C-alpha atoms as a PDB file:
ATOM      1  CA  MET A   1       0.101  -0.242  -0.018  1.00  0.00           C
ATOM      2  CA  LEU A   2       0.821   3.456  -0.843  1.00  0.00           C
ATOM      3  CA  ASN A   3       1.104   6.401   1.971  1.00  0.00           C
ATOM      4  CA  ASN A   4       0.269   8.828  -0.988  1.00  0.00           C
ATOM      5  CA  SER A   5      -2.034   7.149  -3.844  1.00  0.00           C
ATOM      6  CA  ASN A   6      -4.360  10.113  -3.404  1.00  0.00           C
ATOM      7  CA  ILE A   7      -1.406  12.337  -4.782  1.00  0.00           C
ATOM      8  CA  ILE A   8      -0.630   9.796  -6.946  1.00  0.00           C
ATOM      9  CA  SER A   9      -3.364   8.702  -8.181  1.00  0.00           C
ATOM     10  CA  GLU A  10      -4.473  12.234  -8.345  1.00  0.00           C
ATOM     11  CA  VAL A  11      -1.861  13.409 -10.396  1.00  0.00           C
ATOM     12  CA  LEU A  12      -1.358  10.237 -12.649  1.00  0.00           C
ATOM     13  CA  GLU A  13      -4.707  10.349 -13.016  1.00  0.00           C
ATOM     14  CA  LEU A  14      -5.542   6.652 -12.583  1.00  0.00           C
ATOM     15  CA  SER A  15      -8.756   4.720 -10.983  1.00  0.00           C
ATOM     16  CA  SER A  16      -9.149   3.362  -7.554  1.00  0.00           C
ATOM     17  CA  ASP A  17      -8.980  -0.043  -9.536  1.00  0.00           C
ATOM     18  CA  GLU A  18      -5.693   0.983 -11.386  1.00  0.00           C
ATOM     19  CA  VAL A  19      -4.279   1.843  -7.432  1.00  0.00           C
ATOM     20  CA  ASP A  20      -5.400  -0.993  -5.652  1.00  0.00           C
ATOM     21  CA  LYS A  21      -3.273  -2.793  -8.360  1.00  0.00           C
ATOM     22  CA  ILE A  22      -0.732  -1.099  -7.655  1.00  0.00           C
ATOM     23  CA  THR A  23       3.079  -2.641  -5.510  1.00  0.00           C
ATOM     24  CA  THR A  24       5.861  -0.605  -4.670  1.00  0.00           C
ATOM     25  CA  ASN A  25       8.107  -2.824  -7.321  1.00  0.00           C
ATOM     26  CA  THR A  26       5.451  -1.877 -10.365  1.00  0.00           C
ATOM     27  CA  GLU A  27       7.229   0.794 -12.584  1.00  0.00           C
ATOM     28  CA  LEU A  28       5.662   3.573 -13.137  1.00  0.00           C
ATOM     29  CA  SER A  29       6.024   3.438 -17.034  1.00  0.00           C
ATOM     30  CA  ASP A  30       3.487   1.024 -17.183  1.00  0.00           C
ATOM     31  CA  PHE A  31       0.880   4.221 -15.658  1.00  0.00           C
ATOM     32  CA  ASN A  32       1.363   7.688 -17.684  1.00  0.00           C
ATOM     33  CA  TRP A  33       4.970   8.516 -16.214  1.00  0.00           C
ATOM     34  CA  ASP A  34       5.880  11.337 -18.489  1.00  0.00           C
ATOM     35  CA  SER A  35       7.588  14.687 -18.251  1.00  0.00           C
ATOM     36  CA  LEU A  36       3.910  16.050 -18.355  1.00  0.00           C
ATOM     37  CA  ALA A  37       3.246  13.880 -14.806  1.00  0.00           C
ATOM     38  CA  MET A  38       6.013  14.717 -13.133  1.00  0.00           C
ATOM     39  CA  VAL A  39       5.325  18.704 -13.909  1.00  0.00           C
ATOM     40  CA  ASN A  40       2.458  18.100 -12.565  1.00  0.00           C
ATOM     41  CA  LEU A  41       3.571  16.285  -9.359  1.00  0.00           C
ATOM     42  CA  ILE A  42       5.652  19.489  -8.517  1.00  0.00           C
ATOM     43  CA  THR A  43       3.067  21.279  -9.386  1.00  0.00           C
ATOM     44  CA  HIS A  44       0.482  19.366  -7.304  1.00  0.00           C
ATOM     45  CA  ILE A  45       3.178  19.188  -4.419  1.00  0.00           C
ATOM     46  CA  SER A  46       3.943  23.424  -4.419  1.00  0.00           C
ATOM     47  CA  GLU A  47       0.251  24.222  -4.395  1.00  0.00           C
ATOM     48  CA  ASN A  48      -0.596  22.396  -2.077  1.00  0.00           C
ATOM     49  CA  PHE A  49       2.533  22.219   0.198  1.00  0.00           C
ATOM     50  CA  ASN A  50       4.870  25.099  -1.067  1.00  0.00           C
ATOM     51  CA  VAL A  51       7.412  22.690  -1.256  1.00  0.00           C
ATOM     52  CA  GLU A  52       9.939  23.790  -4.368  1.00  0.00           C
ATOM     53  CA  ILE A  53      11.127  20.321  -6.324  1.00  0.00           C
ATOM     54  CA  GLU A  54      14.088  20.238  -8.963  1.00  0.00           C
ATOM     55  CA  PHE A  55      12.307  18.568 -11.781  1.00  0.00           C
ATOM     56  CA  ASP A  56      15.796  16.286 -11.616  1.00  0.00           C
ATOM     57  CA  SER A  57      14.517  15.209  -8.887  1.00  0.00           C
ATOM     58  CA  PHE A  58      13.220  12.438 -10.344  1.00  0.00           C
ATOM     59  CA  ASP A  59      16.274  10.737 -12.237  1.00  0.00           C
ATOM     60  CA  ASN A  60      16.876   7.946 -10.136  1.00  0.00           C
ATOM     61  CA  ILE A  61      12.828   7.325  -9.830  1.00  0.00           C
ATOM     62  CA  LEU A  62      11.814   4.016 -11.451  1.00  0.00           C
ATOM     63  CA  ASN A  63       8.183   2.767  -9.526  1.00  0.00           C
ATOM     64  CA  PHE A  64       5.592   3.105  -6.742  1.00  0.00           C
ATOM     65  CA  GLY A  65       7.706   2.366  -3.984  1.00  0.00           C
ATOM     66  CA  GLN A  66      10.387   5.447  -5.330  1.00  0.00           C
ATOM     67  CA  LEU A  67       8.032   7.459  -5.578  1.00  0.00           C
ATOM     68  CA  ASP A  68       5.961   7.254  -2.657  1.00  0.00           C
ATOM     69  CA  ASP A  69       8.875   7.593  -0.329  1.00  0.00           C
ATOM     70  CA  PHE A  70      10.075  10.852  -2.850  1.00  0.00           C
ATOM     71  CA  ILE A  71       7.248  12.243  -2.114  1.00  0.00           C
ATOM     72  CA  THR A  72       6.575  11.604   1.823  1.00  0.00           C
ATOM     73  CA  GLU A  73      10.552  12.629   2.332  1.00  0.00           C
ATOM     74  CA  ILE A  74       9.940  15.583   0.310  1.00  0.00           C
ATOM     75  CA  ILE A  75       6.204  16.457   1.962  1.00  0.00           C
ATOM     76  CA  ASN A  76       8.188  15.837   5.407  1.00  0.00           C
ATOM     77  CA  LYS A  77      10.449  17.982   4.860  1.00  0.00           C
ATOM     78  CA  LYS A  78       7.808  21.339   4.821  1.00  0.00           C
END
């Protein structure tokens, strides 16, 4: 279970059925993860948590577990 599934599902426009199928090892590339999704996530976090994120912060994030951990880390820094 992802800690930030609500943010992830909103940004990637995932249905609840899709979210239920995701594990921490699920590849982001299987679910609409591209540069637009990265921009949407940066915008969402910036607007809702008043945190700045660099675009290149996503370079090594390949699966939902890594993305979930990254979001948690960013939100907890605020």
